[in-house]
């Protein structure tokens, strides 16, 4: 089992309950140098800094206890930022009913609210300019296969 797999197992064991999930784990650095371990975790509701800190302490303790890394290491545990693209179906589920910007593989950008999800598709209530009155926005449902999505990011509104 490689180091990333071992760390993934440690993180899974450290998560408080089933509402927490791993978004990404990245292990970088050479065998002799300092390792950098970046762990992104999320929660179906929201995750706090204190929860990330608790997970970090547990993981660091286990890495040392099991002597997984013999050199110095840097461990970062955080939640995905607002600018980080959604990558898991569970993240899409968490953002159901919220506005997102989807860029498809043909570089078309669609903005709207997530209305429905399946394993293969997302249904988006897309915001499109009204043909007769450009100041008005029409809402049109569109089904987008996940295999055609290049990137999805949350749209933050300060209205």
Protein backbone atom coordinates (compact mmCIF):
# COMPACT_ATOMS: atom_id res chain seq x y z
CA UNK A 1 0.00 0.00 0.00
CA UNK A 2 1.46 3.38 -0.97
CA UNK A 3 1.66 6.39 1.35
CA UNK A 4 -1.38 8.16 -0.13
CA UNK A 5 -3.53 5.04 0.40
CA UNK A 6 -2.33 4.74 3.99
CA UNK A 7 -3.10 8.40 4.68
CA UNK A 8 -6.51 8.03 3.03
CA UNK A 9 -7.28 5.18 5.46
CA UNK A 10 -6.19 7.35 8.40
CA UNK A 11 -8.39 10.24 7.25
CA UNK A 12 -11.42 7.99 6.75
CA UNK A 13 -10.98 6.70 10.31
CA UNK A 14 -10.63 10.24 11.69
CA UNK A 15 -13.80 11.64 10.11
CA UNK A 16 -16.43 12.20 12.79
CA UNK A 17 -19.38 10.62 11.00
CA UNK A 18 -20.82 9.80 7.58
CA UNK A 19 -21.63 13.45 6.85
CA UNK A 20 -17.88 14.14 6.41
CA UNK A 21 -16.08 13.07 3.25
CA UNK A 22 -12.71 13.31 1.53
CA UNK A 23 -12.52 15.58 -1.51
CA UNK A 24 -8.83 15.17 -2.32
CA UNK A 25 -5.53 14.04 -0.85
CA UNK A 26 -2.21 15.06 -2.34
CA UNK A 27 1.21 13.87 -1.18
CA UNK A 28 4.22 15.69 -2.62
CA UNK A 29 7.94 15.76 -1.93
CA UNK A 30 10.91 13.49 -2.35
CA UNK A 31 11.81 10.46 -0.25
CA UNK A 32 14.63 12.33 1.49
CA UNK A 33 13.08 15.80 1.71
CA UNK A 34 10.11 17.28 3.47
CA UNK A 35 6.79 15.74 2.48
CA UNK A 36 3.78 17.98 2.00
CA UNK A 37 0.41 16.35 2.62
CA UNK A 38 -2.65 18.34 1.59
CA UNK A 39 -6.03 16.97 2.61
CA UNK A 40 -9.34 18.47 1.54
CA UNK A 41 -12.36 17.36 3.54
CA UNK A 42 -15.93 18.53 3.37
CA UNK A 43 -19.20 17.96 5.14
CA UNK A 44 -22.78 17.65 3.92
CA UNK A 45 -23.68 20.71 6.01
CA UNK A 46 -20.59 22.80 6.72
CA UNK A 47 -17.17 22.17 8.16
CA UNK A 48 -15.47 24.39 10.71
CA UNK A 49 -11.84 25.36 11.22
CA UNK A 50 -11.92 23.54 14.57
CA UNK A 51 -13.06 20.33 12.87
CA UNK A 52 -10.23 20.62 10.30
CA UNK A 53 -7.75 21.23 13.13
CA UNK A 54 -9.03 18.18 15.02
CA UNK A 55 -8.67 15.98 11.92
CA UNK A 56 -5.16 17.38 11.35
CA UNK A 57 -4.06 16.56 14.91
CA UNK A 58 -5.43 13.02 14.65
CA UNK A 59 -3.71 12.39 11.30
CA UNK A 60 -0.38 13.87 12.41
CA UNK A 61 -0.46 11.73 15.55
CA UNK A 62 -1.16 8.54 13.56
CA UNK A 63 1.51 9.32 10.93
CA UNK A 64 4.04 9.59 13.75
CA UNK A 65 2.68 6.61 15.69
CA UNK A 66 2.83 4.31 12.65
CA UNK A 67 6.10 5.91 11.44
CA UNK A 68 4.68 6.38 7.95
CA UNK A 69 7.10 9.22 7.18
CA UNK A 70 10.66 9.16 8.46
CA UNK A 71 11.51 12.75 7.49
CA UNK A 72 9.89 16.08 8.32
CA UNK A 73 6.43 16.61 6.91
CA UNK A 74 3.96 19.44 6.49
CA UNK A 75 0.30 18.54 6.93
CA UNK A 76 -2.53 20.78 5.73
CA UNK A 77 -6.16 19.88 6.36
CA UNK A 78 -8.77 22.27 4.99
CA UNK A 79 -12.11 22.49 3.29
CA UNK A 80 -12.34 23.19 -0.43
CA UNK A 81 -12.40 26.93 -1.05
CA UNK A 82 -15.20 28.72 -2.84
CA UNK A 83 -13.05 28.92 -5.95
CA UNK A 84 -12.27 25.19 -6.06
CA UNK A 85 -14.24 23.33 -8.74
CA UNK A 86 -16.74 20.70 -7.63
CA UNK A 87 -15.33 17.24 -8.30
CA UNK A 88 -17.60 14.74 -6.54
CA UNK A 89 -21.28 13.94 -6.95
CA UNK A 90 -21.60 14.50 -3.20
CA UNK A 91 -20.40 18.09 -3.64
CA UNK A 92 -23.03 18.64 -6.32
CA UNK A 93 -25.66 17.20 -3.93
CA UNK A 94 -24.49 19.57 -1.20
CA UNK A 95 -25.03 22.47 -3.60
CA UNK A 96 -28.49 21.41 -4.80
CA UNK A 97 -30.60 24.52 -5.45
CA UNK A 98 -27.56 26.80 -5.50
CA UNK A 99 -26.11 28.78 -8.39
CA UNK A 100 -23.12 27.34 -10.22
CA UNK A 101 -21.12 28.13 -13.32
CA UNK A 102 -20.52 25.12 -15.52
CA UNK A 103 -17.91 25.13 -18.27
CA UNK A 104 -18.41 22.28 -20.72
CA UNK A 105 -15.69 20.54 -22.70
CA UNK A 106 -16.60 22.68 -25.72
CA UNK A 107 -15.93 25.78 -23.50
CA UNK A 108 -19.58 26.85 -23.32
CA UNK A 109 -20.36 28.53 -20.00
CA UNK A 110 -23.75 27.94 -18.38
CA UNK A 111 -24.94 29.63 -15.17
CA UNK A 112 -27.92 28.52 -13.15
CA UNK A 113 -29.23 26.61 -10.15
CA UNK A 114 -28.75 22.89 -9.71
CA UNK A 115 -32.22 21.36 -9.78
CA UNK A 116 -31.62 17.64 -10.13
CA UNK A 117 -28.81 15.11 -10.22
CA UNK A 118 -28.27 11.56 -11.34
CA UNK A 119 -25.10 9.55 -11.60
CA UNK A 120 -24.75 10.58 -15.27
CA UNK A 121 -26.36 14.04 -15.51
CA UNK A 122 -27.01 17.35 -13.85
CA UNK A 123 -30.21 19.31 -14.48
CA UNK A 124 -29.54 23.03 -14.36
CA UNK A 125 -32.10 25.83 -14.41
CA UNK A 126 -29.97 27.89 -16.76
CA UNK A 127 -30.15 31.68 -16.74
CA UNK A 128 -30.27 32.95 -20.33
CA UNK A 129 -30.93 36.47 -21.68
CA UNK A 130 -34.49 37.01 -22.92
CA UNK A 131 -34.46 37.33 -26.73
CA UNK A 132 -36.99 40.20 -26.75
CA UNK A 133 -35.71 42.10 -23.71
CA UNK A 134 -31.99 41.65 -22.99
CA UNK A 135 -32.46 43.12 -19.49
CA UNK A 136 -34.66 40.16 -18.53
CA UNK A 137 -33.40 36.68 -17.72
CA UNK A 138 -35.26 33.53 -18.72
CA UNK A 139 -34.83 30.29 -16.80
CA UNK A 140 -34.55 27.22 -19.02
CA UNK A 141 -33.94 23.69 -17.74
CA UNK A 142 -30.98 21.98 -19.38
CA UNK A 143 -29.60 18.50 -18.80
CA UNK A 144 -25.80 18.28 -18.94
CA UNK A 145 -24.00 14.92 -18.86
CA UNK A 146 -21.17 14.90 -16.30
CA UNK A 147 -18.83 13.53 -18.99
CA UNK A 148 -19.28 16.84 -20.87
CA UNK A 149 -18.39 19.02 -17.86
CA UNK A 150 -14.90 20.49 -17.76
CA UNK A 151 -15.39 22.53 -14.58
CA UNK A 152 -18.14 23.53 -12.15
CA UNK A 153 -17.69 26.33 -9.63
CA UNK A 154 -20.09 27.87 -7.13
CA UNK A 155 -21.40 31.34 -7.97
CA UNK A 156 -21.38 33.64 -4.97
CA UNK A 157 -23.88 36.47 -4.96
CA UNK A 158 -23.64 39.45 -2.62
CA UNK A 159 -27.18 40.71 -3.25
